[in-house]
Amino acid sequence: MTTKVLVIDDDTAITDLMCQLLKTHGFEAITTNHGAEGIKLAEENNPGIVILDLMMPDLDGWQVCKAIRSFSNVPILVLSAINDPRMVANILDMGADDFLVKPVPSGVLVAHIRKMVRRNGFVDSMASNHQEAHAKTNSAPLLP
């Protein structure tokens, strides 16, 4: 199954480039240049990962991250030109999972995406195994 990657960045050149890069590496790319639309797309498309810019005119990355976190635990990779350790710490504390500074080599970006997809897949399989074990425990007959 192909992993869906949602890219939210106000720069159309970035979203176009990301779309091409992601498709080249076997991902399905969904892109938008508006924070509000990104939130809607995250809710409707259940992406495997979100790549999010911080500095956007309508809703900034902090607002988008917070909104997505209100309904999803999807991995969020922030890709931003901001290189201030306080800002990085702030967005990670708000719920982002990773942070890379633009410009980033494409190989590094793809490696971070794959790492997050692997980790999320592992977490999903652990949750699934836990739910199955819990269901078996709860369906076992009670002894008198």
N, C-alpha and C. Protein backbone atom coordinates (compact mmCIF):
# COMPACT_ATOMS: atom_id res chain seq x y z
N MET A 1 0.84 -1.18 0.00
CA MET A 1 0.00 0.00 0.00
C MET A 1 0.89 1.25 0.00
N THR A 2 0.53 2.21 -0.81
CA THR A 2 1.28 3.46 -0.92
C THR A 2 0.92 4.39 0.23
N THR A 3 1.94 4.97 0.82
CA THR A 3 1.73 5.92 1.92
C THR A 3 1.34 7.28 1.36
N LYS A 4 0.25 7.84 1.90
CA LYS A 4 -0.18 9.19 1.53
C LYS A 4 0.60 10.19 2.36
N VAL A 5 1.15 11.19 1.67
CA VAL A 5 1.86 12.27 2.35
C VAL A 5 1.13 13.57 2.01
N LEU A 6 0.68 14.26 3.05
CA LEU A 6 0.03 15.54 2.88
C LEU A 6 1.06 16.64 3.10
N VAL A 7 1.24 17.50 2.09
CA VAL A 7 2.18 18.61 2.17
C VAL A 7 1.38 19.91 2.27
N ILE A 8 1.64 20.67 3.33
CA ILE A 8 0.95 21.95 3.55
C ILE A 8 2.01 23.04 3.58
N ASP A 9 2.06 23.82 2.52
CA ASP A 9 3.05 24.90 2.39
C ASP A 9 2.47 25.97 1.50
N ASP A 10 2.59 27.24 1.87
CA ASP A 10 1.99 28.32 1.08
C ASP A 10 2.73 28.58 -0.22
N ASP A 11 3.92 28.06 -0.38
CA ASP A 11 4.74 28.28 -1.59
C ASP A 11 4.43 27.19 -2.62
N THR A 12 3.79 27.57 -3.72
CA THR A 12 3.42 26.59 -4.75
C THR A 12 4.64 25.90 -5.37
N ALA A 13 5.76 26.59 -5.45
CA ALA A 13 6.97 25.96 -5.98
C ALA A 13 7.40 24.80 -5.07
N ILE A 14 7.27 25.00 -3.77
CA ILE A 14 7.63 23.94 -2.81
C ILE A 14 6.68 22.76 -2.94
N THR A 15 5.37 23.02 -2.97
CA THR A 15 4.42 21.91 -3.06
C THR A 15 4.56 21.17 -4.38
N ASP A 16 4.83 21.88 -5.48
CA ASP A 16 5.04 21.21 -6.77
C ASP A 16 6.29 20.32 -6.72
N LEU A 17 7.37 20.85 -6.17
CA LEU A 17 8.61 20.10 -6.06
C LEU A 17 8.44 18.89 -5.14
N MET A 18 7.77 19.09 -4.01
CA MET A 18 7.53 17.99 -3.07
C MET A 18 6.68 16.90 -3.70
N CYS A 19 5.70 17.29 -4.47
CA CYS A 19 4.83 16.32 -5.15
C CYS A 19 5.66 15.43 -6.08
N GLN A 20 6.52 16.05 -6.87
CA GLN A 20 7.38 15.28 -7.78
C GLN A 20 8.33 14.38 -7.01
N LEU A 21 8.98 14.92 -5.98
CA LEU A 21 9.92 14.15 -5.19
C LEU A 21 9.24 12.95 -4.54
N LEU A 22 8.10 13.17 -3.92
CA LEU A 22 7.40 12.10 -3.23
C LEU A 22 6.95 11.01 -4.19
N LYS A 23 6.41 11.39 -5.32
CA LYS A 23 5.98 10.40 -6.31
C LYS A 23 7.16 9.59 -6.82
N THR A 24 8.30 10.25 -7.01
CA THR A 24 9.51 9.55 -7.46
C THR A 24 9.92 8.47 -6.46
N HIS A 25 9.65 8.69 -5.19
CA HIS A 25 10.05 7.74 -4.15
C HIS A 25 8.91 6.83 -3.71
N GLY A 26 7.84 6.77 -4.50
CA GLY A 26 6.77 5.81 -4.26
C GLY A 26 5.69 6.23 -3.28
N PHE A 27 5.63 7.51 -2.96
CA PHE A 27 4.58 8.00 -2.06
C PHE A 27 3.45 8.61 -2.87
N GLU A 28 2.26 8.65 -2.29
CA GLU A 28 1.14 9.38 -2.88
C GLU A 28 1.15 10.77 -2.26
N ALA A 29 1.20 11.79 -3.09
CA ALA A 29 1.29 13.17 -2.59
C ALA A 29 -0.05 13.87 -2.69
N ILE A 30 -0.42 14.52 -1.59
CA ILE A 30 -1.59 15.40 -1.54
C ILE A 30 -1.03 16.74 -1.10
N THR A 31 -1.32 17.80 -1.83
CA THR A 31 -0.73 19.10 -1.49
C THR A 31 -1.78 20.19 -1.39
N THR A 32 -1.46 21.18 -0.59
CA THR A 32 -2.28 22.38 -0.51
C THR A 32 -1.39 23.55 -0.12
N ASN A 33 -1.83 24.74 -0.49
CA ASN A 33 -1.10 25.96 -0.18
C ASN A 33 -1.81 26.80 0.88
N HIS A 34 -2.76 26.19 1.59
CA HIS A 34 -3.54 26.89 2.61
C HIS A 34 -3.69 26.03 3.85
N GLY A 35 -3.42 26.62 5.00
CA GLY A 35 -3.50 25.89 6.26
C GLY A 35 -4.87 25.30 6.54
N ALA A 36 -5.92 26.10 6.35
CA ALA A 36 -7.28 25.63 6.63
C ALA A 36 -7.64 24.43 5.75
N GLU A 37 -7.25 24.50 4.48
CA GLU A 37 -7.52 23.37 3.58
C GLU A 37 -6.69 22.16 4.00
N GLY A 38 -5.49 22.39 4.50
CA GLY A 38 -4.65 21.29 4.97
C GLY A 38 -5.30 20.53 6.12
N ILE A 39 -5.91 21.26 7.03
CA ILE A 39 -6.61 20.61 8.14
C ILE A 39 -7.74 19.74 7.61
N LYS A 40 -8.50 20.29 6.67
CA LYS A 40 -9.62 19.54 6.07
C LYS A 40 -9.11 18.29 5.34
N LEU A 41 -8.03 18.45 4.57
CA LEU A 41 -7.47 17.31 3.84
C LEU A 41 -6.92 16.25 4.79
N ALA A 42 -6.35 16.67 5.90
CA ALA A 42 -5.84 15.72 6.89
C ALA A 42 -6.99 14.89 7.47
N GLU A 43 -8.10 15.55 7.71
CA GLU A 43 -9.26 14.86 8.27
C GLU A 43 -9.90 13.91 7.26
N GLU A 44 -9.99 14.34 6.01
CA GLU A 44 -10.68 13.56 4.98
C GLU A 44 -9.84 12.44 4.39
N ASN A 45 -8.52 12.61 4.32
CA ASN A 45 -7.67 11.67 3.59
C ASN A 45 -6.85 10.72 4.45
N ASN A 46 -6.84 10.92 5.76
CA ASN A 46 -6.10 10.05 6.66
C ASN A 46 -4.68 9.77 6.14
N PRO A 47 -3.86 10.81 5.99
CA PRO A 47 -2.51 10.60 5.45
C PRO A 47 -1.63 9.82 6.43
N GLY A 48 -0.57 9.23 5.89
CA GLY A 48 0.39 8.51 6.72
C GLY A 48 1.37 9.45 7.39
N ILE A 49 1.53 10.64 6.81
CA ILE A 49 2.41 11.66 7.36
C ILE A 49 1.99 13.02 6.82
N VAL A 50 2.23 14.06 7.60
CA VAL A 50 1.98 15.43 7.18
C VAL A 50 3.31 16.18 7.19
N ILE A 51 3.60 16.87 6.10
CA ILE A 51 4.76 17.77 6.04
C ILE A 51 4.19 19.18 6.07
N LEU A 52 4.64 19.96 7.06
CA LEU A 52 4.01 21.23 7.36
C LEU A 52 5.02 22.36 7.43
N ASP A 53 4.70 23.46 6.75
CA ASP A 53 5.48 24.69 6.86
C ASP A 53 4.94 25.49 8.04
N LEU A 54 5.77 26.30 8.65
CA LEU A 54 5.32 27.12 9.79
C LEU A 54 4.77 28.47 9.37
N MET A 55 5.46 29.14 8.47
CA MET A 55 5.11 30.51 8.12
C MET A 55 4.16 30.53 6.92
N MET A 56 2.87 30.64 7.20
CA MET A 56 1.85 30.70 6.16
C MET A 56 0.89 31.84 6.50
N PRO A 57 0.29 32.47 5.48
CA PRO A 57 -0.51 33.67 5.72
C PRO A 57 -1.87 33.44 6.37
N ASP A 58 -2.58 32.37 6.02
CA ASP A 58 -3.94 32.22 6.56
C ASP A 58 -3.90 31.64 7.98
N LEU A 59 -3.50 30.43 8.12
CA LEU A 59 -3.26 29.80 9.41
C LEU A 59 -1.80 29.40 9.42
N ASP A 60 -1.08 29.72 10.48
CA ASP A 60 0.33 29.34 10.50
C ASP A 60 0.47 27.88 10.93
N GLY A 61 1.69 27.37 10.84
CA GLY A 61 1.95 25.97 11.13
C GLY A 61 1.60 25.56 12.55
N TRP A 62 1.76 26.49 13.51
CA TRP A 62 1.40 26.18 14.89
C TRP A 62 -0.10 25.91 15.00
N GLN A 63 -0.90 26.75 14.36
CA GLN A 63 -2.36 26.58 14.40
C GLN A 63 -2.78 25.30 13.69
N VAL A 64 -2.15 25.03 12.55
CA VAL A 64 -2.48 23.82 11.78
C VAL A 64 -2.10 22.57 12.58
N CYS A 65 -0.92 22.58 13.16
CA CYS A 65 -0.46 21.45 13.97
C CYS A 65 -1.43 21.19 15.12
N LYS A 66 -1.80 22.22 15.82
CA LYS A 66 -2.72 22.09 16.96
C LYS A 66 -4.07 21.54 16.50
N ALA A 67 -4.57 22.03 15.38
CA ALA A 67 -5.86 21.58 14.86
C ALA A 67 -5.80 20.10 14.46
N ILE A 68 -4.75 19.70 13.77
CA ILE A 68 -4.62 18.30 13.36
C ILE A 68 -4.49 17.40 14.59
N ARG A 69 -3.74 17.84 15.58
CA ARG A 69 -3.57 17.06 16.80
C ARG A 69 -4.89 16.87 17.55
N SER A 70 -5.85 17.73 17.32
CA SER A 70 -7.14 17.60 18.01
C SER A 70 -7.94 16.39 17.52
N PHE A 71 -7.59 15.83 16.34
CA PHE A 71 -8.33 14.68 15.84
C PHE A 71 -7.45 13.55 15.31
N SER A 72 -6.12 13.72 15.30
CA SER A 72 -5.27 12.71 14.71
C SER A 72 -3.89 12.66 15.37
N ASN A 73 -3.31 11.48 15.36
CA ASN A 73 -1.93 11.29 15.83
C ASN A 73 -0.98 11.08 14.66
N VAL A 74 -1.39 11.47 13.46
CA VAL A 74 -0.55 11.33 12.28
C VAL A 74 0.81 11.97 12.54
N PRO A 75 1.90 11.34 12.10
CA PRO A 75 3.21 11.98 12.25
C PRO A 75 3.25 13.30 11.48
N ILE A 76 3.76 14.34 12.14
CA ILE A 76 3.88 15.66 11.51
C ILE A 76 5.35 16.03 11.46
N LEU A 77 5.83 16.24 10.24
CA LEU A 77 7.21 16.69 10.00
C LEU A 77 7.15 18.15 9.60
N VAL A 78 7.73 19.01 10.40
CA VAL A 78 7.77 20.43 10.08
C VAL A 78 9.00 20.68 9.21
N LEU A 79 8.76 21.35 8.10
CA LEU A 79 9.82 21.72 7.16
C LEU A 79 9.75 23.24 7.03
N SER A 80 10.72 23.93 7.63
CA SER A 80 10.62 25.38 7.73
C SER A 80 11.98 26.05 7.53
N ALA A 81 11.94 27.29 7.09
CA ALA A 81 13.16 28.10 6.98
C ALA A 81 13.59 28.64 8.33
N ILE A 82 12.72 28.56 9.33
CA ILE A 82 13.04 29.05 10.68
C ILE A 82 14.08 28.13 11.30
N ASN A 83 15.15 28.73 11.80
CA ASN A 83 16.21 27.95 12.43
C ASN A 83 16.50 28.49 13.83
N ASP A 84 15.45 28.72 14.59
CA ASP A 84 15.56 29.23 15.94
C ASP A 84 15.23 28.09 16.91
N PRO A 85 16.19 27.69 17.76
CA PRO A 85 15.95 26.56 18.66
C PRO A 85 14.69 26.70 19.53
N ARG A 86 14.34 27.92 19.92
CA ARG A 86 13.13 28.11 20.72
C ARG A 86 11.87 27.80 19.92
N MET A 87 11.88 28.20 18.65
CA MET A 87 10.73 27.92 17.77
C MET A 87 10.63 26.42 17.51
N VAL A 88 11.77 25.78 17.27
CA VAL A 88 11.77 24.33 17.05
C VAL A 88 11.21 23.63 18.28
N ALA A 89 11.70 23.99 19.45
CA ALA A 89 11.21 23.37 20.69
C ALA A 89 9.72 23.61 20.87
N ASN A 90 9.26 24.81 20.54
CA ASN A 90 7.85 25.16 20.69
C ASN A 90 6.96 24.29 19.82
N ILE A 91 7.31 24.12 18.56
CA ILE A 91 6.44 23.33 17.66
C ILE A 91 6.51 21.85 18.01
N LEU A 92 7.66 21.37 18.46
CA LEU A 92 7.75 19.98 18.90
C LEU A 92 6.90 19.76 20.15
N ASP A 93 6.91 20.73 21.05
CA ASP A 93 6.06 20.64 22.25
C ASP A 93 4.57 20.71 21.91
N MET A 94 4.24 21.37 20.79
CA MET A 94 2.82 21.47 20.39
C MET A 94 2.32 20.21 19.70
N GLY A 95 3.23 19.28 19.39
CA GLY A 95 2.76 18.02 18.81
C GLY A 95 3.44 17.58 17.54
N ALA A 96 4.31 18.40 16.96
CA ALA A 96 5.05 17.95 15.78
C ALA A 96 6.00 16.83 16.21
N ASP A 97 6.31 15.94 15.28
CA ASP A 97 7.17 14.80 15.58
C ASP A 97 8.61 14.98 15.14
N ASP A 98 8.83 15.85 14.17
CA ASP A 98 10.17 16.04 13.64
C ASP A 98 10.25 17.44 13.04
N PHE A 99 11.48 17.93 12.85
CA PHE A 99 11.69 19.28 12.34
C PHE A 99 12.93 19.28 11.47
N LEU A 100 12.80 19.79 10.25
CA LEU A 100 13.94 19.98 9.35
C LEU A 100 13.95 21.42 8.86
N VAL A 101 15.15 21.96 8.69
CA VAL A 101 15.31 23.33 8.22
C VAL A 101 15.51 23.34 6.72
N LYS A 102 14.72 24.20 6.03
CA LYS A 102 14.89 24.41 4.58
C LYS A 102 16.14 25.22 4.34
N PRO A 103 16.86 24.98 3.28
CA PRO A 103 16.69 23.86 2.35
C PRO A 103 17.29 22.59 2.95
N VAL A 104 16.67 21.48 2.63
CA VAL A 104 17.15 20.18 3.12
C VAL A 104 17.41 19.30 1.90
N PRO A 105 18.52 18.56 1.90
CA PRO A 105 18.77 17.64 0.77
C PRO A 105 17.62 16.65 0.64
N SER A 106 17.23 16.37 -0.60
CA SER A 106 16.08 15.49 -0.82
C SER A 106 16.27 14.12 -0.20
N GLY A 107 17.48 13.59 -0.23
CA GLY A 107 17.73 12.28 0.37
C GLY A 107 17.49 12.28 1.87
N VAL A 108 17.87 13.36 2.54
CA VAL A 108 17.65 13.48 3.98
C VAL A 108 16.15 13.58 4.27
N LEU A 109 15.45 14.38 3.49
CA LEU A 109 14.01 14.52 3.67
C LEU A 109 13.30 13.18 3.51
N VAL A 110 13.63 12.47 2.44
CA VAL A 110 12.99 11.17 2.19
C VAL A 110 13.33 10.18 3.31
N ALA A 111 14.56 10.21 3.80
CA ALA A 111 14.95 9.32 4.91
C ALA A 111 14.13 9.62 6.16
N HIS A 112 13.91 10.90 6.46
CA HIS A 112 13.09 11.26 7.62
C HIS A 112 11.64 10.81 7.42
N ILE A 113 11.12 10.97 6.22
CA ILE A 113 9.75 10.53 5.94
C ILE A 113 9.63 9.02 6.13
N ARG A 114 10.57 8.27 5.56
CA ARG A 114 10.53 6.81 5.69
C ARG A 114 10.65 6.37 7.15
N LYS A 115 11.52 7.05 7.91
CA LYS A 115 11.68 6.73 9.33
C LYS A 115 10.35 6.92 10.06
N MET A 116 9.68 8.02 9.79
CA MET A 116 8.42 8.31 10.47
C MET A 116 7.33 7.33 10.06
N VAL A 117 7.31 6.94 8.79
CA VAL A 117 6.32 5.97 8.31
C VAL A 117 6.58 4.61 8.97
N ARG A 118 7.86 4.21 9.04
CA ARG A 118 8.20 2.93 9.69
C ARG A 118 7.77 2.96 11.15
N ARG A 119 8.14 4.02 11.84
CA ARG A 119 7.82 4.13 13.27
C ARG A 119 6.31 4.13 13.47
N ASN A 120 5.59 4.87 12.66
CA ASN A 120 4.13 4.91 12.80
C ASN A 120 3.52 3.55 12.49
N GLY A 121 4.06 2.85 11.50
CA GLY A 121 3.57 1.50 11.17
C GLY A 121 3.79 0.56 12.33
N PHE A 122 4.95 0.68 12.99
CA PHE A 122 5.25 -0.14 14.15
C PHE A 122 4.29 0.17 15.29
N VAL A 123 4.04 1.44 15.53
CA VAL A 123 3.12 1.85 16.58
C VAL A 123 1.72 1.35 16.26
N ASP A 124 1.29 1.47 14.97
CA ASP A 124 -0.03 1.00 14.58
C ASP A 124 -0.16 -0.51 14.79
N SER A 125 0.90 -1.27 14.45
CA SER A 125 0.83 -2.71 14.61
C SER A 125 0.81 -3.08 16.09
N MET A 126 1.55 -2.33 16.93
CA MET A 126 1.52 -2.57 18.37
C MET A 126 0.12 -2.30 18.92
N ALA A 127 -0.50 -1.22 18.49
CA ALA A 127 -1.85 -0.89 18.95
C ALA A 127 -2.84 -1.96 18.52
N SER A 128 -2.68 -2.43 17.29
CA SER A 128 -3.56 -3.46 16.77
C SER A 128 -3.39 -4.76 17.57
N ASN A 129 -2.13 -5.15 17.85
CA ASN A 129 -1.87 -6.35 18.64
C ASN A 129 -2.43 -6.20 20.04
N HIS A 130 -2.30 -5.01 20.63
CA HIS A 130 -2.83 -4.77 21.97
C HIS A 130 -4.35 -4.89 21.97
N GLN A 131 -5.00 -4.34 20.95
CA GLN A 131 -6.45 -4.42 20.87
C GLN A 131 -6.91 -5.87 20.72
N GLU A 132 -6.18 -6.66 19.90
CA GLU A 132 -6.53 -8.06 19.72
C GLU A 132 -6.36 -8.82 21.03
N ALA A 133 -5.26 -8.58 21.74
CA ALA A 133 -5.03 -9.25 23.02
C ALA A 133 -6.10 -8.85 24.03
N HIS A 134 -6.47 -7.57 24.03
CA HIS A 134 -7.50 -7.07 24.95
C HIS A 134 -8.85 -7.72 24.63
N ALA A 135 -9.16 -7.86 23.35
CA ALA A 135 -10.42 -8.47 22.94
C ALA A 135 -10.46 -9.94 23.37
N LYS A 136 -9.33 -10.66 23.22
CA LYS A 136 -9.27 -12.06 23.63
C LYS A 136 -9.45 -12.18 25.14
N THR A 137 -8.82 -11.29 25.88
CA THR A 137 -8.93 -11.31 27.33
C THR A 137 -10.36 -11.06 27.77
N ASN A 138 -11.00 -10.08 27.13
CA ASN A 138 -12.37 -9.73 27.51
C ASN A 138 -13.39 -10.74 27.04
N SER A 139 -13.05 -11.57 26.04
CA SER A 139 -14.02 -12.54 25.54
C SER A 139 -13.82 -13.92 26.18
N ALA A 140 -12.79 -14.06 27.00
CA ALA A 140 -12.55 -15.34 27.66
C ALA A 140 -13.66 -15.59 28.69
N PRO A 141 -14.08 -16.85 28.80
CA PRO A 141 -15.14 -17.15 29.78
C PRO A 141 -14.65 -16.91 31.20
N LEU A 142 -15.53 -16.44 32.02
CA LEU A 142 -15.21 -16.19 33.42
C LEU A 142 -15.30 -17.51 34.18
N LEU A 143 -14.36 -17.74 35.07
CA LEU A 143 -14.39 -18.95 35.89
C LEU A 143 -15.18 -18.68 37.16
N PRO A 144 -15.95 -19.65 37.62
CA PRO A 144 -16.73 -19.43 38.83
C PRO A 144 -15.87 -19.28 40.07
